[in-house]
Structure formats: structure tokens, C-alpha cells
């Protein structure tokens, strides 16, 4: 037991030292709990060593009280989503867990946030209740995701937002709580919504959403997260990630406070003509729903891998300015593959940025569908930040379950819970309908109880 504890401690120390001063910020959404089959994901599957900071999405703003409240009481409270999430710190004391407020659905179609920051009484009450909320549920801070100040709203939102953030910062200080925010990567949006020097003075860091630049809301297809300006893009109207980074730095955001955001998903369109598939081809709405995510114009990384395996045509950019795009029939999708992830992480490191953020953990290939092992998106980020190569061409074995009913004397304490075998690294158990079912990992893999999945042995203390 002492050896296992020592190995776990060494793992924590190794992770912290390897990450250096870089942050790896990972968002976790609560709604994938409702996804079907292999797409289902909840806090039980999170690995406490995967990120330096994890952000639970989302809490929302009460429409009457203008206070921060729980979004989904069933998942967040009844099923223990908050508790499981913050309890990850028991296994990795260096991990920071934050709660995100807002998001697109809660803030993009209402003036409620604008009303909040325009009223000093509402702001004081909000700050008081936010401190209580964060402390009650054992979070380490708040990530403010208002999309976007001034739209919808009014011009004063830009400065009023800074006032609210400064109030939060002062209220958080006695408890050593973190305060972060997530802005759009559009320069035009920044001019309307963000006082960048003010943000630099009030928040601990900024989770820069360098994605969703293009999507099915437009009438022509394009990549949703191009890193550099392409030959057909002219003028200041084009949103170019690298140029947006330069703009934020020039406006006074310290590089170490700017966390570069990556998307572990693709944006899809429906082509107006299936024979016209190049960039900027006409589109008429969103592409087909993903079998697991079930969202218009949106596919998880693992759904893209399944598409590729079913014969989709994939086009890569030889100049390296953007990730690939693919199409089949009238569906057209762009995304960042692992090669582009590595390119962007290296770009962020070369710019001296504070680290990498990605949206989000449940969209990575946690099942191994892409044949690069589990969680290749996340692992490519970590490997690159640590200066290690990440081989995108050598497939890792995909875990296969072989269920066998066993009479082993174990007790089911929680339906669906996985248990590692204390004597056999490749063997594990799960409670199913009150019975203990035995499973075995494929050759060369070991069961990792931290993530409830088969993994490389070097990731499992005592099994290397």
C-alpha cells in the first residue's frame, strides 16, 4: 500500500514538473451524461491527472434574482456531478477545479447579463452569492463565460463587466479563489466587448476561445478554426487566430495570462451541391447529426474518426494554416486533427503563452475509436507541452470487453461502478444489475481505476 501511495505521489510530482509553467485547462460539460451508448460520459470517467485546471460547465444566471444557480440539479447535485468533480483533488491535490458561469445558451440570447452589470445592487448581491456558491460546492474558482458583453446589451457593458470582475476578484482574494474568463477570438468582437488592459488587471487568466469562427450559420463552408490567414482572406473582417493573439498581446494582455483554446470537435454544413466541396462552396444549413452528440452542425472528434473509417473524403492543408476538412454526400465538416493540435500547441509555446485550453473532455476520443489510444487529443497536448513527441501514425490497441459472470466475493456498492483487481493489472470488475461482471483488458494494457478504462501500463501505478 505504501508503494502504491508513493508511486501516486511520484506521478503527481512528475506531472507538475513536466508541465512546467504551462497550464492545461480542460472544460467538462455536464450534458453528455444524457448521450446514448458509447457517447455517454459523466464525472466518473475523469482523470484527475489529465489537466492542471478543470472547468465544470455550466452554472447559469437566475432570471429573477440575477444570482448564480445550478444548471441541472439532477446531474450536478442528485447524481453528485459537482461532488465527484471537485473530489478529483483528493487524488491530485495540485489540480484546480472551477465552475463556469454562462455559456452560449445562457448568455447569447438575453440582456440579463447586461442588466446585472448595470445595477450596483444586483452586482453586490451576485458577488456575495457567487462566493458562497463556489465555496459551498468546493470549487477553486469561477470562469466567467458571458457571450458577449455589448451584444446583446449596450456599449456600457464593456466597462461594467470590468467593474463586476474587479468586485469578484476582491471578494475571492481572502479565500484564494481563482477568477478566469472566456472571450471570443474575434478582434471586432474584442473592440466592442473587452477592455483588455482591464481584464489583465482583474482575472488570473483568459481562456481564449480560438474556434467557432465559421459554422452552419453562414452560407458557405469554411474551416472553423484556421490558425493563419489564407490566400482568399483579405481585410480586417476576416477572423484569423494568430492575428487575434497578436492583437490581445498588443493591447496589454500578458502572454502568461493568455491560454490558447483548441476545439476537440468539428463544425458541419449541408452542401448546396454535393459536387462542390472546396472551401467557400455554397451551404444551406447544418450537416447531419452525429450518432452520439446529436447536435446540429457539430461532431465530436471520435465521430469524425468514425466518419473517416466509413470512407469519407478528407482534405488536408499542405500549408499547415488550418486543420483538415472532410465530406460525404452533402455533409461537410472541418476540425483540428492531432497534427494540427500539435502545430497549435507549438505555436502557443513559441509565443510564450500561458498554456492550452480545450473544449472539451467528453468530445475527445475516450473510447479509442481513432485507433490512437484513448484521449489522443488531450494526450497530444500534454506530450507537446512536455517536449515529447506524440506519434499520430502508430495505432494503439483498442480496449475490448469480454464479459464473464463471476462468483468472486465482492459487493456491489454502486450500480455501474468499476473496480480494479488488486492482484491482476489486466483484470477489472463492474456492478451490473447487482451482479459482479469480470472484464479483461487487451494484451499490453492495464486497467486504470482513475479513468475507469484500459490504459497503457505506465499510466497505472504499480503496473508498469
Protein backbone atom coordinates (compact mmCIF):
# COMPACT_ATOMS: atom_id res chain seq x y z
CA UNK A 1 0.00 0.00 0.00
CA UNK A 2 2.85 2.37 0.83
CA UNK A 3 4.47 1.60 -2.52
CA UNK A 4 1.25 2.40 -4.38
CA UNK A 5 0.87 5.68 -2.46
CA UNK A 6 4.49 6.60 -3.19
CA UNK A 7 4.03 5.85 -6.88
CA UNK A 8 0.91 8.02 -6.95
CA UNK A 9 2.83 10.87 -5.31
CA UNK A 10 5.63 10.48 -7.83
CA UNK A 11 3.07 10.64 -10.64
CA UNK A 12 1.74 13.95 -9.29
CA UNK A 13 5.23 15.41 -8.96
CA UNK A 14 6.23 14.19 -12.41
CA UNK A 15 3.14 15.75 -13.99
CA UNK A 16 3.69 19.09 -12.29
CA UNK A 17 7.38 19.22 -13.18
CA UNK A 18 6.76 18.12 -16.76
CA UNK A 19 4.07 20.72 -17.32
CA UNK A 20 6.47 23.38 -16.06
CA UNK A 21 4.75 26.77 -16.01
CA UNK A 22 2.22 25.81 -18.67
CA UNK A 23 -1.43 25.46 -17.78
CA UNK A 24 -3.56 22.77 -19.36
CA UNK A 25 -7.15 23.89 -18.89
CA UNK A 26 -9.88 21.37 -19.72
CA UNK A 27 -13.58 22.09 -19.85
CA UNK A 28 -16.04 19.38 -18.82
CA UNK A 29 -19.70 19.63 -19.86
CA UNK A 30 -22.41 18.00 -17.77
CA UNK A 31 -24.96 17.24 -20.54
CA UNK A 32 -23.02 14.32 -22.16
CA UNK A 33 -24.43 12.28 -19.28
CA UNK A 34 -27.58 12.05 -21.45
CA UNK A 35 -25.82 10.94 -24.64
CA UNK A 36 -26.58 7.43 -25.88
CA UNK A 37 -24.36 4.37 -25.77
CA UNK A 38 -20.65 4.91 -26.21
CA UNK A 39 -21.11 8.69 -26.16
CA UNK A 40 -22.33 8.76 -22.55
CA UNK A 41 -19.89 10.49 -20.21
CA UNK A 42 -20.02 11.75 -16.65
CA UNK A 43 -17.63 12.82 -13.93
CA UNK A 44 -16.82 9.20 -13.01
CA UNK A 45 -14.69 8.95 -16.17
CA UNK A 46 -12.48 11.97 -15.46
CA UNK A 47 -8.76 11.51 -14.89
CA UNK A 48 -7.53 13.83 -12.11
CA UNK A 49 -4.03 13.89 -13.62
CA UNK A 50 -5.07 14.85 -17.15
CA UNK A 51 -5.14 18.64 -16.69
CA UNK A 52 -3.77 21.32 -14.37
CA UNK A 53 -7.19 23.03 -14.30
CA UNK A 54 -10.64 21.56 -14.99
CA UNK A 55 -13.72 23.71 -15.52
CA UNK A 56 -17.23 22.35 -14.98
CA UNK A 57 -19.75 23.75 -17.49
CA UNK A 58 -22.12 25.36 -16.65
CA UNK A 59 -23.84 27.18 -13.83
CA UNK A 60 -26.36 29.77 -15.02
CA UNK A 61 -27.77 33.16 -14.05
CA UNK A 62 -31.18 33.07 -12.35
CA UNK A 63 -33.63 35.10 -14.42
CA UNK A 64 -35.30 36.62 -11.38
CA UNK A 65 -32.62 37.05 -8.72
CA UNK A 66 -29.61 37.55 -11.05
CA UNK A 67 -27.73 35.06 -8.87
CA UNK A 68 -25.53 32.16 -9.90
CA UNK A 69 -27.51 28.90 -9.68
CA UNK A 70 -27.18 25.21 -10.53
CA UNK A 71 -27.99 24.42 -14.18
CA UNK A 72 -29.05 20.75 -13.96
CA UNK A 73 -29.85 19.75 -10.39
CA UNK A 74 -30.26 16.09 -11.34
CA UNK A 75 -26.79 15.65 -12.84
CA UNK A 76 -24.98 18.31 -10.83
CA UNK A 77 -26.45 17.57 -7.38
CA UNK A 78 -28.57 14.40 -7.26
CA UNK A 79 -26.05 12.29 -9.19
CA UNK A 80 -23.14 14.03 -7.48
CA UNK A 81 -21.65 15.75 -10.53
CA UNK A 82 -20.21 18.65 -8.54
CA UNK A 83 -19.04 16.41 -5.71
CA UNK A 84 -17.33 13.87 -7.99
CA UNK A 85 -15.71 16.67 -9.97
CA UNK A 86 -14.20 18.52 -7.02
CA UNK A 87 -13.31 15.24 -5.29
CA UNK A 88 -10.74 14.66 -8.04
CA UNK A 89 -8.49 16.90 -5.94
CA UNK A 90 -8.28 14.17 -3.32
CA UNK A 91 -6.29 12.08 -5.80
CA UNK A 92 -4.39 15.01 -7.30
CA UNK A 93 -4.01 17.84 -4.77
CA UNK A 94 -2.37 20.02 -7.45
CA UNK A 95 -5.50 20.03 -9.61
CA UNK A 96 -7.67 23.16 -9.64
CA UNK A 97 -11.40 22.73 -10.28
CA UNK A 98 -13.51 25.72 -11.37
CA UNK A 99 -17.17 26.27 -12.18
CA UNK A 100 -18.07 28.10 -15.40
CA UNK A 101 -20.95 30.55 -15.48
CA UNK A 102 -22.93 31.33 -18.60
CA UNK A 103 -22.00 29.87 -21.95
CA UNK A 104 -23.69 30.37 -25.29
CA UNK A 105 -27.14 29.07 -24.37
CA UNK A 106 -27.42 31.08 -21.15
CA UNK A 107 -25.95 34.40 -22.26
CA UNK A 108 -26.06 34.82 -26.05
CA UNK A 109 -29.77 35.47 -26.47
CA UNK A 110 -30.58 37.63 -23.46
CA UNK A 111 -29.79 41.03 -21.97
CA UNK A 112 -29.81 39.57 -18.47
CA UNK A 113 -26.04 39.76 -18.01
CA UNK A 114 -26.11 43.34 -19.26
CA UNK A 115 -28.82 44.13 -16.72
CA UNK A 116 -26.72 42.56 -13.98
CA UNK A 117 -23.60 44.65 -14.60
CA UNK A 118 -25.62 47.87 -14.98
CA UNK A 119 -27.02 47.67 -11.45
CA UNK A 120 -24.66 48.08 -8.44
CA UNK A 121 -27.19 46.46 -6.10
CA UNK A 122 -27.55 43.40 -8.34
CA UNK A 123 -23.77 43.16 -8.67
CA UNK A 124 -23.14 43.25 -4.92
CA UNK A 125 -25.72 40.55 -4.36
CA UNK A 126 -24.32 38.48 -7.23
CA UNK A 127 -20.77 38.66 -5.88
CA UNK A 128 -21.84 37.69 -2.37
CA UNK A 129 -23.84 34.71 -3.64
CA UNK A 130 -21.11 33.68 -6.10
CA UNK A 131 -18.55 33.44 -3.29
CA UNK A 132 -21.00 31.34 -1.28
CA UNK A 133 -21.77 29.12 -4.31
CA UNK A 134 -18.13 28.44 -5.15
CA UNK A 135 -17.24 27.66 -1.54
CA UNK A 136 -20.35 25.58 -0.87
CA UNK A 137 -19.55 23.18 -3.70
CA UNK A 138 -15.78 23.16 -3.07
CA UNK A 139 -14.71 24.74 -6.36
CA UNK A 140 -11.40 26.60 -6.59
CA UNK A 141 -12.78 29.50 -8.57
CA UNK A 142 -15.11 30.86 -11.23
CA UNK A 143 -14.77 31.03 -15.01
CA UNK A 144 -16.99 33.82 -16.39
CA UNK A 145 -18.27 32.95 -19.87
CA UNK A 146 -20.50 35.83 -20.98
CA UNK A 147 -21.13 35.65 -24.73
CA UNK A 148 -20.88 38.62 -25.22
CA UNK A 149 -20.75 41.99 -23.42
CA UNK A 150 -22.45 44.60 -25.58
CA UNK A 151 -24.17 42.08 -27.87
CA UNK A 152 -26.93 41.80 -26.94
CA UNK A 153 -26.76 44.61 -24.44
CA UNK A 154 -25.35 48.09 -24.55
CA UNK A 155 -21.95 49.77 -25.05
CA UNK A 156 -21.50 50.33 -21.31
CA UNK A 157 -21.27 46.54 -20.82
CA UNK A 158 -17.58 46.68 -21.73
CA UNK A 159 -16.62 48.74 -18.67
CA UNK A 160 -19.39 47.47 -16.42
CA UNK A 161 -18.07 43.94 -16.91
CA UNK A 162 -14.67 45.03 -15.62
CA UNK A 163 -16.36 46.56 -12.58
CA UNK A 164 -18.08 43.26 -11.79
CA UNK A 165 -14.89 41.26 -12.32
CA UNK A 166 -12.97 43.61 -10.01
CA UNK A 167 -15.62 43.10 -7.33
CA UNK A 168 -15.34 39.34 -7.74
CA UNK A 169 -11.55 39.49 -7.59
CA UNK A 170 -11.63 41.41 -4.31
CA UNK A 171 -14.22 39.08 -2.81
CA UNK A 172 -12.27 35.98 -3.91
CA UNK A 173 -8.91 37.10 -2.50
CA UNK A 174 -9.48 36.13 1.16
CA UNK A 175 -10.29 32.57 0.04
CA UNK A 176 -7.55 32.25 -2.61
CA UNK A 177 -10.14 31.60 -5.30
CA UNK A 178 -9.31 31.85 -8.99
CA UNK A 179 -11.13 34.16 -11.41
CA UNK A 180 -10.93 33.49 -15.15
CA UNK A 181 -12.99 34.40 -18.22
CA UNK A 182 -13.54 33.09 -21.74
CA UNK A 183 -13.56 35.63 -24.62
CA UNK A 184 -14.24 35.37 -28.32
CA UNK A 185 -11.16 35.39 -30.56
CA UNK A 186 -12.64 37.99 -32.92
CA UNK A 187 -10.81 41.34 -32.97
CA UNK A 188 -14.02 43.08 -33.98
CA UNK A 189 -15.76 41.47 -31.03
CA UNK A 190 -12.94 42.47 -28.70
CA UNK A 191 -13.29 46.12 -29.70
CA UNK A 192 -16.95 46.05 -28.62
CA UNK A 193 -16.86 43.68 -25.65
CA UNK A 194 -13.49 43.63 -23.91
CA UNK A 195 -11.36 46.19 -22.09
CA UNK A 196 -8.23 44.08 -22.44
CA UNK A 197 -6.00 46.05 -20.01
CA UNK A 198 -8.88 45.93 -17.53
CA UNK A 199 -9.19 42.18 -17.94
CA UNK A 200 -5.44 41.77 -17.50
CA UNK A 201 -5.66 43.60 -14.17
CA UNK A 202 -8.60 41.62 -12.80
CA UNK A 203 -8.51 37.98 -13.89
CA UNK A 204 -5.95 35.26 -13.23
CA UNK A 205 -6.01 34.11 -16.84
CA UNK A 206 -8.09 34.19 -20.02
CA UNK A 207 -9.38 31.06 -21.77
CA UNK A 208 -9.13 32.26 -25.38
CA UNK A 209 -11.84 30.60 -27.48
CA UNK A 210 -9.93 30.23 -30.74
CA UNK A 211 -12.65 28.34 -32.58
CA UNK A 212 -16.22 28.65 -33.92
CA UNK A 213 -15.06 31.32 -36.36
CA UNK A 214 -17.17 29.74 -39.10
CA UNK A 215 -20.16 27.41 -38.96
CA UNK A 216 -23.56 26.45 -40.30
CA UNK A 217 -24.92 29.93 -39.57
CA UNK A 218 -23.06 31.02 -42.73
CA UNK A 219 -23.99 30.27 -46.35
CA UNK A 220 -20.62 28.86 -47.42
CA UNK A 221 -18.34 26.22 -45.96
CA UNK A 222 -15.09 27.10 -44.24
CA UNK A 223 -12.80 25.81 -41.52
CA UNK A 224 -13.97 26.90 -38.08
CA UNK A 225 -10.51 27.39 -36.52
CA UNK A 226 -7.85 28.48 -39.07
CA UNK A 227 -4.58 29.42 -37.39
CA UNK A 228 -3.17 31.66 -40.11
CA UNK A 229 -4.53 33.94 -42.85
CA UNK A 230 -5.22 32.07 -46.08
CA UNK A 231 -4.82 33.41 -49.62
CA UNK A 232 -8.51 34.22 -50.12
CA UNK A 233 -8.88 36.17 -46.86
CA UNK A 234 -8.49 39.93 -47.08
CA UNK A 235 -9.05 42.91 -44.79
CA UNK A 236 -9.83 43.24 -41.13
CA UNK A 237 -13.20 41.47 -41.33
CA UNK A 238 -11.51 38.07 -41.51
CA UNK A 239 -11.03 36.42 -38.12
CA UNK A 240 -7.52 34.95 -38.04
CA UNK A 241 -6.47 33.26 -34.82
CA UNK A 242 -2.77 34.16 -34.96
CA UNK A 243 -3.61 37.81 -35.69
CA UNK A 244 -6.14 37.86 -32.84
CA UNK A 245 -3.46 36.58 -30.46
CA UNK A 246 -1.14 39.36 -31.59
CA UNK A 247 -3.93 41.90 -31.08
CA UNK A 248 -4.61 40.80 -27.49
CA UNK A 249 -0.89 40.88 -26.66
CA UNK A 250 -0.50 44.33 -28.23
CA UNK A 251 -3.49 45.60 -26.24
CA UNK A 252 -1.81 44.68 -22.97
CA UNK A 253 -2.74 41.10 -22.11
CA UNK A 254 0.34 39.42 -20.60
CA UNK A 255 1.28 36.35 -22.61
CA UNK A 256 1.31 34.16 -19.50
CA UNK A 257 -2.34 35.06 -18.84
CA UNK A 258 -3.46 34.12 -22.34
CA UNK A 259 -4.44 30.43 -22.60
CA UNK A 260 -4.79 29.26 -26.19
CA UNK A 261 -8.07 27.40 -26.83
CA UNK A 262 -8.44 24.34 -29.06
CA UNK A 263 -11.61 22.55 -30.25
CA UNK A 264 -11.89 18.78 -29.88
CA UNK A 265 -14.87 18.82 -32.26
CA UNK A 266 -15.81 19.74 -35.80
CA UNK A 267 -18.34 22.12 -37.33
CA UNK A 268 -20.52 20.73 -40.13
CA UNK A 269 -22.59 22.08 -43.01
CA UNK A 270 -25.03 20.74 -45.58
CA UNK A 271 -23.68 21.39 -49.05
CA UNK A 272 -26.00 23.04 -51.54
CA UNK A 273 -24.43 20.86 -54.26
CA UNK A 274 -22.70 17.58 -53.35
CA UNK A 275 -20.29 18.03 -56.27
CA UNK A 276 -18.97 21.34 -54.94
CA UNK A 277 -16.85 20.55 -51.89
CA UNK A 278 -13.99 23.09 -51.89
CA UNK A 279 -13.62 25.78 -49.27
CA UNK A 280 -16.25 28.53 -49.69
CA UNK A 281 -18.64 26.22 -51.54
CA UNK A 282 -22.34 27.12 -51.05
CA UNK A 283 -24.04 25.65 -47.96
CA UNK A 284 -27.65 25.51 -46.79
CA UNK A 285 -27.57 24.88 -43.08
CA UNK A 286 -26.13 22.32 -40.71
CA UNK A 287 -24.76 18.91 -41.55
CA UNK A 288 -26.17 15.58 -40.37
CA UNK A 289 -26.41 14.95 -36.63
CA UNK A 290 -23.66 12.92 -35.02
CA UNK A 291 -24.80 9.49 -33.77
CA UNK A 292 -23.74 10.35 -30.21
CA UNK A 293 -23.64 14.14 -29.86
CA UNK A 294 -26.93 14.62 -31.73
CA UNK A 295 -26.34 18.34 -32.27
CA UNK A 296 -26.91 20.36 -35.45
CA UNK A 297 -23.70 21.36 -37.21
CA UNK A 298 -21.46 19.70 -34.63
CA UNK A 299 -19.45 16.47 -34.40
CA UNK A 300 -17.11 15.15 -31.70
CA UNK A 301 -13.57 14.15 -32.61
CA UNK A 302 -14.45 10.49 -32.20
CA UNK A 303 -17.45 10.87 -34.53
CA UNK A 304 -15.12 12.33 -37.14
CA UNK A 305 -12.87 9.28 -36.82
CA UNK A 306 -15.86 7.01 -37.37
CA UNK A 307 -16.74 9.04 -40.47
CA UNK A 308 -13.22 8.66 -41.81
CA UNK A 309 -13.36 4.92 -41.25
CA UNK A 310 -16.61 4.75 -43.20
CA UNK A 311 -14.99 6.17 -46.31
CA UNK A 312 -15.29 9.95 -46.09
CA UNK A 313 -13.04 12.03 -48.33
CA UNK A 314 -10.55 14.00 -46.18
CA UNK A 315 -8.60 17.04 -47.43
CA UNK A 316 -5.56 18.35 -45.55
CA UNK A 317 -3.97 21.77 -45.96
CA UNK A 318 -0.40 21.42 -47.32
CA UNK A 319 0.48 24.88 -45.98
CA UNK A 320 -0.44 23.95 -42.38
CA UNK A 321 -2.61 27.04 -41.90
CA UNK A 322 -5.68 25.06 -40.84
CA UNK A 323 -6.80 21.57 -39.91
CA UNK A 324 -8.46 19.15 -42.33
CA UNK A 325 -11.95 19.09 -43.73
CA UNK A 326 -13.94 16.14 -44.97
CA UNK A 327 -17.15 15.37 -46.79
CA UNK A 328 -19.54 12.62 -47.77
CA UNK A 329 -22.68 13.21 -49.78
CA UNK A 330 -23.94 16.64 -48.79
CA UNK A 331 -22.29 16.73 -45.34
CA UNK A 332 -19.09 18.79 -45.00
CA UNK A 333 -17.07 19.08 -41.77
CA UNK A 334 -13.92 20.89 -40.59
CA UNK A 335 -11.95 20.02 -37.48
CA UNK A 336 -8.49 20.01 -35.90
CA UNK A 337 -6.80 16.63 -36.18
CA UNK A 338 -3.93 15.58 -33.92
CA UNK A 339 -1.30 17.00 -36.28
CA UNK A 340 -2.97 20.43 -36.12
CA UNK A 341 -3.27 20.14 -32.34
CA UNK A 342 0.48 19.68 -32.13
CA UNK A 343 1.06 22.59 -34.53
CA UNK A 344 -1.12 24.91 -32.45
CA UNK A 345 0.42 23.88 -29.13
CA UNK A 346 3.88 24.58 -30.53
CA UNK A 347 2.65 27.93 -31.82
CA UNK A 348 1.35 28.85 -28.35
CA UNK A 349 4.64 27.80 -26.75
CA UNK A 350 6.65 29.84 -29.25
CA UNK A 351 4.50 32.90 -28.49
CA UNK A 352 5.21 32.48 -24.78
CA UNK A 353 1.53 31.94 -23.94
CA UNK A 354 0.47 30.56 -20.58
CA UNK A 355 -0.76 27.22 -21.82
CA UNK A 356 -3.52 25.39 -23.65
CA UNK A 357 -7.26 25.15 -23.05
CA UNK A 358 -9.63 22.87 -24.92
CA UNK A 359 -13.36 22.42 -25.27
CA UNK A 360 -13.95 19.78 -24.11
CA UNK A 361 -13.12 16.49 -22.39
CA UNK A 362 -16.19 14.49 -23.44
CA UNK A 363 -15.53 15.21 -27.14
CA UNK A 364 -12.05 13.66 -27.15
CA UNK A 365 -11.80 10.04 -28.30
CA UNK A 366 -12.18 8.43 -24.88
CA UNK A 367 -13.27 5.11 -26.47
CA UNK A 368 -10.26 4.67 -28.75
CA UNK A 369 -12.29 4.82 -31.98
CA UNK A 370 -9.50 6.73 -33.75
CA UNK A 371 -7.02 3.87 -33.16
CA UNK A 372 -4.54 6.18 -31.43
CA UNK A 373 -5.30 5.05 -27.90
CA UNK A 374 -7.74 6.74 -25.57
CA UNK A 375 -7.88 10.54 -25.37
CA UNK A 376 -5.39 11.26 -28.20
CA UNK A 377 -6.39 14.95 -28.39
CA UNK A 378 -5.62 15.55 -24.73
CA UNK A 379 -2.52 13.37 -24.68
CA UNK A 380 -1.09 15.13 -27.74
CA UNK A 381 -1.44 18.45 -25.88
CA UNK A 382 0.36 17.11 -22.80
CA UNK A 383 3.13 15.43 -24.78
CA UNK A 384 3.82 18.60 -26.79
CA UNK A 385 3.83 20.84 -23.72
CA UNK A 386 6.31 18.44 -22.14
CA UNK A 387 8.53 18.44 -25.23
CA UNK A 388 7.78 14.81 -26.05
CA UNK A 389 6.80 13.50 -29.49
CA UNK A 390 3.29 12.17 -29.94
CA UNK A 391 3.13 9.56 -32.67
CA UNK A 392 -0.05 10.05 -34.69
CA UNK A 393 0.65 7.20 -37.11
CA UNK A 394 1.09 4.23 -34.77
CA UNK A 395 -2.31 2.93 -33.65
CA UNK A 396 -2.70 1.86 -30.05
CA UNK A 397 -4.80 -1.22 -29.25
CA UNK A 398 -8.48 -0.55 -28.63
CA UNK A 399 -9.84 -2.00 -25.35
CA UNK A 400 -12.25 -4.88 -25.90
CA UNK A 401 -14.51 -6.16 -23.17
CA UNK A 402 -15.07 -9.86 -22.62
CA UNK A 403 -17.83 -10.11 -20.00
CA UNK A 404 -17.85 -13.21 -17.83
CA UNK A 405 -20.13 -13.63 -14.84
CA UNK A 406 -18.05 -14.35 -11.77
CA UNK A 407 -18.75 -15.70 -8.33
CA UNK A 408 -15.92 -13.68 -6.77
CA UNK A 409 -16.89 -12.49 -3.29
CA UNK A 410 -17.27 -8.77 -3.93
CA UNK A 411 -20.06 -6.40 -3.04
CA UNK A 412 -21.76 -4.02 -5.46
CA UNK A 413 -21.81 -0.71 -3.64
CA UNK A 414 -22.82 1.41 -6.64
CA UNK A 415 -24.52 0.41 -9.89
CA UNK A 416 -22.20 0.79 -12.89
CA UNK A 417 -19.06 1.31 -10.78
CA UNK A 418 -15.77 -0.21 -11.99
CA UNK A 419 -13.26 -1.88 -9.66
CA UNK A 420 -9.64 -2.80 -10.38
CA UNK A 421 -8.50 -6.28 -9.46
CA UNK A 422 -5.94 -5.84 -6.64
CA UNK A 423 -3.73 -8.67 -7.93
CA UNK A 424 -4.11 -8.54 -11.73
CA UNK A 425 -3.48 -5.32 -13.67
CA UNK A 426 -5.38 -6.52 -16.75
CA UNK A 427 -8.48 -7.62 -14.83
CA UNK A 428 -11.33 -5.46 -13.56
CA UNK A 429 -14.96 -5.66 -12.47
CA UNK A 430 -18.21 -3.76 -12.83
CA UNK A 431 -21.51 -3.80 -10.96
CA UNK A 432 -24.32 -4.58 -13.43
CA UNK A 433 -27.84 -5.16 -12.13
CA UNK A 434 -26.48 -6.14 -8.75
CA UNK A 435 -24.01 -8.68 -10.17
CA UNK A 436 -20.22 -8.55 -10.44
CA UNK A 437 -19.10 -8.84 -14.06
CA UNK A 438 -15.45 -9.58 -14.86
CA UNK A 439 -13.62 -7.90 -17.74
CA UNK A 440 -10.11 -8.18 -19.18
CA UNK A 441 -8.06 -5.54 -20.96
CA UNK A 442 -6.45 -6.46 -24.29
CA UNK A 443 -2.84 -7.53 -24.34
CA UNK A 444 -0.34 -4.79 -23.34
CA UNK A 445 -2.96 -2.72 -21.49
CA UNK A 446 -3.80 -2.34 -17.79
CA UNK A 447 -6.99 -1.18 -16.08
CA UNK A 448 -6.70 2.41 -14.85
CA UNK A 449 -9.13 2.96 -11.96
CA UNK A 450 -8.66 6.75 -12.18
CA UNK A 451 -10.38 6.86 -15.58
CA UNK A 452 -12.31 3.55 -15.39
CA UNK A 453 -10.80 2.35 -18.68
CA UNK A 454 -7.95 0.23 -20.02
CA UNK A 455 -4.79 2.28 -20.47
CA UNK A 456 -1.08 1.99 -21.10
CA UNK A 457 0.58 0.31 -18.08
CA UNK A 458 2.93 3.25 -17.48
CA UNK A 459 -0.14 5.36 -16.64
CA UNK A 460 -1.21 2.89 -13.91
CA UNK A 461 0.83 2.97 -10.68
CA UNK A 462 2.23 -0.46 -9.91
CA UNK A 463 1.55 -1.93 -13.37
CA UNK A 464 4.46 -0.67 -15.49
